[in-house]
Every structure is written in structure tokens, then in C-alpha cells.
Amino acid sequence: MWFVIFFVHTTGVEIDLEKRKYRNITAFFSLIFGKWNDLPDIEYVSVFKTSETTTVRALSAEANVKNEVIKVNMFYNTNQKIEAYNTQDIDDAFKKAKEIASILNIDILDATERESKWL
């Protein structure tokens, strides 16, 4: 039974930019749980590349799979962040960052290369 629950369980963040609210969510099938909080004063949105490692297990075998991922984070209070979006498509990440920046009237930091730059 726990095996099935593991695969239908997801976590993440839901953001309502119009109401300026967000919540950390846990979802089982179509049921979503999480308490809405006021969105803090977001200073900027950042787009950067990183890699995520997923461990895959089957009976006695185990393998680590590493994937490149592009993350879109919203920063506030200098170094605190809300992870807004993850994707493997860099154009998709910048599209989402531009939407967020436009609604919140903030800048975008492109941290996908060694030298970060403001857009």
C-alpha cells in the first residue's frame, strides 16, 4: 500500500500572483493540501541551472540518475527564496520568470552562466 502512495504523492509551491499569496503544497491524486500565506516583498526573480539527482531502486538494485534542471526562484529578505518553477527547458524558465517579473514589477537575474547578469 505504501508503495502506491509514494508514487502518487507530490510536493511543491502554488503561487497566486494576483492575490499575492503562496502556499507550500502536498498533493495526493487531485487533493491538494497547504496553507495560504501572504507573499513577502519579492526583491527579484532568479533563473539558474543546477542538477538534481534521483535515486531509483528496484529490489536489490539502485541507480542514481542526474538531470540538469532550470530553476526559477523569487528572492526576498536578501537571501530567502521561494522556489517558483522547475523545468528542463531554458526558454520556458525565462518565459515564466518574465511573467512573474512583469506582474510583481521586479528585475530578473540570469544566473544560468558563470557570470550572472541582470535583465
N, C-alpha and C. Protein backbone atom coordinates (compact mmCIF):
# COMPACT_ATOMS: atom_id res chain seq x y z
N MET A 1 0.82 -1.20 0.00
CA MET A 1 0.00 0.00 0.00
C MET A 1 0.87 1.26 0.00
N TRP A 2 1.90 1.30 0.81
CA TRP A 2 2.77 2.48 0.88
C TRP A 2 3.48 2.71 -0.44
N PHE A 3 3.76 1.65 -1.14
CA PHE A 3 4.42 1.75 -2.43
C PHE A 3 3.60 2.58 -3.40
N VAL A 4 2.32 2.38 -3.46
CA VAL A 4 1.43 3.13 -4.35
C VAL A 4 1.35 4.59 -3.92
N ILE A 5 1.22 4.85 -2.64
CA ILE A 5 1.13 6.22 -2.13
C ILE A 5 2.38 7.01 -2.48
N PHE A 6 3.54 6.36 -2.43
CA PHE A 6 4.79 7.04 -2.74
C PHE A 6 4.77 7.64 -4.15
N PHE A 7 4.20 6.92 -5.11
CA PHE A 7 4.23 7.39 -6.48
C PHE A 7 3.14 8.40 -6.83
N VAL A 8 2.12 8.54 -6.04
CA VAL A 8 1.06 9.50 -6.33
C VAL A 8 1.14 10.73 -5.43
N HIS A 9 2.18 10.84 -4.68
CA HIS A 9 2.40 11.94 -3.74
C HIS A 9 3.37 12.95 -4.37
N THR A 10 2.97 14.22 -4.42
CA THR A 10 3.86 15.26 -4.93
C THR A 10 3.86 16.44 -3.96
N THR A 11 4.94 17.20 -4.00
CA THR A 11 5.04 18.41 -3.19
C THR A 11 5.48 19.55 -4.09
N GLY A 12 5.24 20.77 -3.67
CA GLY A 12 5.64 21.92 -4.45
C GLY A 12 5.12 23.20 -3.86
N VAL A 13 5.08 24.23 -4.68
CA VAL A 13 4.60 25.55 -4.27
C VAL A 13 3.54 26.00 -5.25
N GLU A 14 2.47 26.56 -4.74
CA GLU A 14 1.43 27.16 -5.57
C GLU A 14 1.44 28.65 -5.29
N ILE A 15 1.46 29.46 -6.35
CA ILE A 15 1.57 30.91 -6.21
C ILE A 15 0.39 31.57 -6.91
N ASP A 16 -0.26 32.48 -6.21
CA ASP A 16 -1.34 33.29 -6.79
C ASP A 16 -0.82 34.72 -6.82
N LEU A 17 -0.26 35.12 -7.96
CA LEU A 17 0.37 36.44 -8.07
C LEU A 17 -0.64 37.57 -7.98
N GLU A 18 -1.85 37.36 -8.48
CA GLU A 18 -2.86 38.42 -8.43
C GLU A 18 -3.28 38.73 -7.00
N LYS A 19 -3.43 37.69 -6.18
CA LYS A 19 -3.81 37.90 -4.77
C LYS A 19 -2.59 38.07 -3.87
N ARG A 20 -1.39 37.89 -4.47
CA ARG A 20 -0.12 37.98 -3.74
C ARG A 20 -0.09 37.02 -2.55
N LYS A 21 -0.41 35.76 -2.87
CA LYS A 21 -0.41 34.68 -1.88
C LYS A 21 0.39 33.51 -2.44
N TYR A 22 0.90 32.66 -1.52
CA TYR A 22 1.56 31.43 -1.93
C TYR A 22 1.35 30.38 -0.85
N ARG A 23 1.55 29.13 -1.23
CA ARG A 23 1.48 28.06 -0.24
C ARG A 23 2.35 26.90 -0.68
N ASN A 24 2.96 26.26 0.31
CA ASN A 24 3.67 25.01 0.08
C ASN A 24 2.60 23.92 0.06
N ILE A 25 2.62 23.10 -0.98
CA ILE A 25 1.54 22.12 -1.12
C ILE A 25 2.06 20.69 -1.08
N THR A 26 1.17 19.82 -0.66
CA THR A 26 1.33 18.38 -0.75
C THR A 26 0.08 17.89 -1.45
N ALA A 27 0.26 17.08 -2.47
CA ALA A 27 -0.88 16.60 -3.25
C ALA A 27 -0.91 15.08 -3.30
N PHE A 28 -2.09 14.52 -3.10
CA PHE A 28 -2.35 13.10 -3.28
C PHE A 28 -3.44 13.01 -4.34
N PHE A 29 -3.11 12.45 -5.49
CA PHE A 29 -4.03 12.43 -6.62
C PHE A 29 -4.47 13.86 -6.91
N SER A 30 -5.74 14.20 -6.80
CA SER A 30 -6.19 15.57 -7.08
C SER A 30 -6.48 16.36 -5.81
N LEU A 31 -6.18 15.81 -4.65
CA LEU A 31 -6.37 16.52 -3.38
C LEU A 31 -5.12 17.31 -3.06
N ILE A 32 -5.28 18.62 -2.85
CA ILE A 32 -4.14 19.50 -2.58
C ILE A 32 -4.29 20.08 -1.19
N PHE A 33 -3.20 19.99 -0.42
CA PHE A 33 -3.19 20.50 0.95
C PHE A 33 -2.10 21.55 1.09
N GLY A 34 -2.39 22.61 1.83
CA GLY A 34 -1.40 23.65 2.10
C GLY A 34 -2.08 24.92 2.55
N LYS A 35 -1.43 25.64 3.44
CA LYS A 35 -1.99 26.88 4.00
C LYS A 35 -1.49 28.07 3.19
N TRP A 36 -2.41 28.94 2.80
CA TRP A 36 -2.05 30.14 2.05
C TRP A 36 -1.37 31.15 2.98
N ASN A 37 -0.30 31.76 2.49
CA ASN A 37 0.44 32.80 3.21
C ASN A 37 0.55 34.03 2.31
N ASP A 38 0.72 35.20 2.94
CA ASP A 38 0.97 36.41 2.16
C ASP A 38 2.33 36.29 1.49
N LEU A 39 2.39 36.71 0.24
CA LEU A 39 3.66 36.72 -0.48
C LEU A 39 4.51 37.84 0.10
N PRO A 40 5.75 37.54 0.51
CA PRO A 40 6.60 38.61 1.04
C PRO A 40 6.96 39.60 -0.06
N ASP A 41 7.62 40.69 0.29
CA ASP A 41 8.07 41.67 -0.70
C ASP A 41 9.21 41.05 -1.50
N ILE A 42 8.89 40.58 -2.68
CA ILE A 42 9.88 39.92 -3.53
C ILE A 42 10.79 40.99 -4.13
N GLU A 43 12.12 40.78 -4.00
CA GLU A 43 13.10 41.75 -4.49
C GLU A 43 13.46 41.50 -5.96
N TYR A 44 13.59 40.23 -6.34
CA TYR A 44 13.91 39.89 -7.73
C TYR A 44 13.62 38.42 -7.97
N VAL A 45 13.59 38.05 -9.24
CA VAL A 45 13.41 36.65 -9.63
C VAL A 45 14.71 36.19 -10.30
N SER A 46 15.14 34.98 -9.98
CA SER A 46 16.40 34.45 -10.48
C SER A 46 16.16 33.19 -11.29
N VAL A 47 16.89 33.05 -12.40
CA VAL A 47 16.85 31.85 -13.22
C VAL A 47 18.24 31.24 -13.21
N PHE A 48 18.36 29.97 -12.81
CA PHE A 48 19.68 29.35 -12.79
C PHE A 48 19.61 27.86 -13.10
N LYS A 49 20.78 27.34 -13.55
CA LYS A 49 20.90 25.92 -13.88
C LYS A 49 21.49 25.19 -12.69
N THR A 50 21.02 23.99 -12.49
CA THR A 50 21.59 23.12 -11.48
C THR A 50 21.32 21.68 -11.91
N SER A 51 21.77 20.74 -11.13
CA SER A 51 21.45 19.35 -11.44
C SER A 51 20.78 18.71 -10.23
N GLU A 52 19.86 17.82 -10.51
CA GLU A 52 19.16 17.08 -9.47
C GLU A 52 19.47 15.61 -9.65
N THR A 53 19.70 14.94 -8.53
CA THR A 53 19.97 13.52 -8.56
C THR A 53 18.77 12.77 -8.00
N THR A 54 18.31 11.80 -8.74
CA THR A 54 17.19 10.96 -8.31
C THR A 54 17.71 9.54 -8.12
N THR A 55 17.40 8.95 -7.00
CA THR A 55 17.79 7.57 -6.74
C THR A 55 16.63 6.66 -7.12
N VAL A 56 16.93 5.71 -7.99
CA VAL A 56 15.94 4.75 -8.44
C VAL A 56 16.29 3.39 -7.84
N ARG A 57 15.33 2.79 -7.15
CA ARG A 57 15.57 1.50 -6.50
C ARG A 57 14.58 0.46 -7.03
N ALA A 58 15.08 -0.75 -7.23
CA ALA A 58 14.23 -1.88 -7.60
C ALA A 58 14.82 -3.14 -6.97
N LEU A 59 14.08 -3.70 -6.05
CA LEU A 59 14.54 -4.88 -5.31
C LEU A 59 15.91 -4.61 -4.71
N SER A 60 16.96 -5.27 -5.20
CA SER A 60 18.28 -5.08 -4.60
C SER A 60 19.17 -4.14 -5.42
N ALA A 61 18.67 -3.62 -6.52
CA ALA A 61 19.46 -2.73 -7.37
C ALA A 61 19.13 -1.27 -7.07
N GLU A 62 20.11 -0.41 -7.25
CA GLU A 62 19.93 1.02 -7.02
C GLU A 62 20.78 1.79 -8.03
N ALA A 63 20.23 2.87 -8.55
CA ALA A 63 20.97 3.70 -9.50
C ALA A 63 20.64 5.17 -9.24
N ASN A 64 21.64 6.02 -9.41
CA ASN A 64 21.45 7.47 -9.30
C ASN A 64 21.39 8.06 -10.69
N VAL A 65 20.34 8.82 -10.96
CA VAL A 65 20.17 9.46 -12.26
C VAL A 65 20.28 10.97 -12.05
N LYS A 66 21.19 11.60 -12.78
CA LYS A 66 21.41 13.04 -12.65
C LYS A 66 20.83 13.75 -13.86
N ASN A 67 20.01 14.78 -13.62
CA ASN A 67 19.39 15.56 -14.69
C ASN A 67 19.66 17.04 -14.48
N GLU A 68 19.89 17.76 -15.58
CA GLU A 68 20.02 19.21 -15.50
C GLU A 68 18.62 19.80 -15.39
N VAL A 69 18.47 20.78 -14.52
CA VAL A 69 17.18 21.43 -14.33
C VAL A 69 17.40 22.93 -14.25
N ILE A 70 16.44 23.69 -14.75
CA ILE A 70 16.48 25.14 -14.67
C ILE A 70 15.45 25.54 -13.62
N LYS A 71 15.89 26.33 -12.63
CA LYS A 71 15.01 26.74 -11.53
C LYS A 71 14.73 28.23 -11.61
N VAL A 72 13.51 28.59 -11.26
CA VAL A 72 13.10 29.99 -11.16
C VAL A 72 12.75 30.22 -9.69
N ASN A 73 13.52 31.09 -9.04
CA ASN A 73 13.31 31.39 -7.63
C ASN A 73 12.97 32.86 -7.45
N MET A 74 12.14 33.14 -6.46
CA MET A 74 11.81 34.52 -6.08
C MET A 74 12.52 34.80 -4.76
N PHE A 75 13.36 35.84 -4.74
CA PHE A 75 14.14 36.15 -3.54
C PHE A 75 13.55 37.32 -2.78
N TYR A 76 13.62 37.22 -1.45
CA TYR A 76 13.16 38.26 -0.54
C TYR A 76 14.04 38.26 0.70
N ASN A 77 14.00 39.34 1.47
CA ASN A 77 14.85 39.47 2.67
C ASN A 77 16.30 39.11 2.37
N THR A 78 16.82 39.60 1.29
CA THR A 78 18.19 39.44 0.81
C THR A 78 18.53 38.03 0.33
N ASN A 79 18.33 37.00 1.17
CA ASN A 79 18.78 35.67 0.75
C ASN A 79 17.74 34.56 0.96
N GLN A 80 16.51 34.92 1.27
CA GLN A 80 15.48 33.89 1.40
C GLN A 80 14.76 33.75 0.06
N LYS A 81 14.30 32.52 -0.23
CA LYS A 81 13.73 32.29 -1.56
C LYS A 81 12.49 31.43 -1.50
N ILE A 82 11.68 31.60 -2.52
CA ILE A 82 10.54 30.73 -2.79
C ILE A 82 10.82 30.11 -4.15
N GLU A 83 10.89 28.78 -4.21
CA GLU A 83 11.09 28.09 -5.48
C GLU A 83 9.80 28.15 -6.27
N ALA A 84 9.80 28.92 -7.34
CA ALA A 84 8.57 29.17 -8.08
C ALA A 84 8.33 28.16 -9.20
N TYR A 85 9.41 27.67 -9.83
CA TYR A 85 9.21 26.86 -11.04
C TYR A 85 10.47 26.06 -11.34
N ASN A 86 10.29 24.84 -11.83
CA ASN A 86 11.38 23.98 -12.29
C ASN A 86 11.04 23.48 -13.68
N THR A 87 12.04 23.42 -14.55
CA THR A 87 11.83 22.91 -15.90
C THR A 87 13.17 22.45 -16.45
N GLN A 88 13.15 21.76 -17.56
CA GLN A 88 14.39 21.40 -18.25
C GLN A 88 14.58 22.25 -19.50
N ASP A 89 13.65 23.14 -19.77
CA ASP A 89 13.67 24.00 -20.96
C ASP A 89 14.01 25.43 -20.53
N ILE A 90 15.16 25.92 -20.95
CA ILE A 90 15.61 27.25 -20.53
C ILE A 90 14.68 28.35 -21.03
N ASP A 91 14.15 28.21 -22.25
CA ASP A 91 13.23 29.22 -22.77
C ASP A 91 11.95 29.28 -21.94
N ASP A 92 11.47 28.12 -21.53
CA ASP A 92 10.29 28.04 -20.69
C ASP A 92 10.54 28.72 -19.34
N ALA A 93 11.73 28.51 -18.78
CA ALA A 93 12.08 29.13 -17.49
C ALA A 93 12.09 30.65 -17.60
N PHE A 94 12.69 31.18 -18.67
CA PHE A 94 12.73 32.63 -18.83
C PHE A 94 11.34 33.21 -19.12
N LYS A 95 10.52 32.46 -19.83
CA LYS A 95 9.14 32.92 -20.07
C LYS A 95 8.40 33.06 -18.74
N LYS A 96 8.53 32.06 -17.87
CA LYS A 96 7.86 32.11 -16.56
C LYS A 96 8.45 33.23 -15.71
N ALA A 97 9.77 33.41 -15.73
CA ALA A 97 10.41 34.47 -14.95
C ALA A 97 9.93 35.84 -15.42
N LYS A 98 9.77 36.02 -16.73
CA LYS A 98 9.29 37.30 -17.26
C LYS A 98 7.85 37.58 -16.83
N GLU A 99 7.02 36.54 -16.80
CA GLU A 99 5.64 36.70 -16.33
C GLU A 99 5.62 37.17 -14.88
N ILE A 100 6.41 36.51 -14.04
CA ILE A 100 6.47 36.86 -12.62
C ILE A 100 7.00 38.27 -12.45
N ALA A 101 8.10 38.59 -13.14
CA ALA A 101 8.72 39.91 -13.01
C ALA A 101 7.77 41.01 -13.47
N SER A 102 7.03 40.75 -14.53
CA SER A 102 6.09 41.75 -15.04
C SER A 102 4.96 42.02 -14.04
N ILE A 103 4.40 40.98 -13.48
CA ILE A 103 3.29 41.14 -12.53
C ILE A 103 3.76 41.82 -11.24
N LEU A 104 4.94 41.43 -10.75
CA LEU A 104 5.44 41.98 -9.48
C LEU A 104 6.29 43.23 -9.66
N ASN A 105 6.55 43.61 -10.92
CA ASN A 105 7.36 44.78 -11.23
C ASN A 105 8.75 44.70 -10.58
N ILE A 106 9.44 43.59 -10.85
CA ILE A 106 10.78 43.36 -10.30
C ILE A 106 11.73 42.96 -11.43
N ASP A 107 13.03 42.90 -11.12
CA ASP A 107 14.05 42.54 -12.09
C ASP A 107 14.28 41.04 -12.12
N ILE A 108 14.94 40.60 -13.21
CA ILE A 108 15.31 39.20 -13.38
C ILE A 108 16.83 39.09 -13.34
N LEU A 109 17.34 38.14 -12.56
CA LEU A 109 18.76 37.84 -12.54
C LEU A 109 18.98 36.56 -13.33
N ASP A 110 19.75 36.65 -14.42
CA ASP A 110 20.10 35.48 -15.22
C ASP A 110 21.36 34.88 -14.62
N ALA A 111 21.20 33.78 -13.88
CA ALA A 111 22.34 33.11 -13.24
C ALA A 111 22.59 31.76 -13.90
N THR A 112 22.27 31.65 -15.19
CA THR A 112 22.46 30.39 -15.90
C THR A 112 23.89 30.21 -16.38
N GLU A 113 24.66 31.27 -16.41
CA GLU A 113 26.07 31.21 -16.82
C GLU A 113 26.94 31.56 -15.62
N ARG A 114 28.25 31.40 -15.79
CA ARG A 114 29.19 31.71 -14.71
C ARG A 114 29.05 33.15 -14.22
N GLU A 115 28.94 34.07 -15.15
CA GLU A 115 28.76 35.48 -14.81
C GLU A 115 27.27 35.81 -14.83
N SER A 116 26.71 36.08 -13.67
CA SER A 116 25.30 36.44 -13.59
C SER A 116 25.09 37.83 -14.18
N LYS A 117 23.91 38.06 -14.75
CA LYS A 117 23.61 39.39 -15.30
C LYS A 117 22.15 39.73 -15.08
N TRP A 118 21.89 41.01 -14.88
CA TRP A 118 20.53 41.50 -14.70
C TRP A 118 19.90 41.75 -16.05
N LEU A 119 18.66 41.36 -16.19
CA LEU A 119 17.94 41.59 -17.45
C LEU A 119 16.97 42.73 -17.30
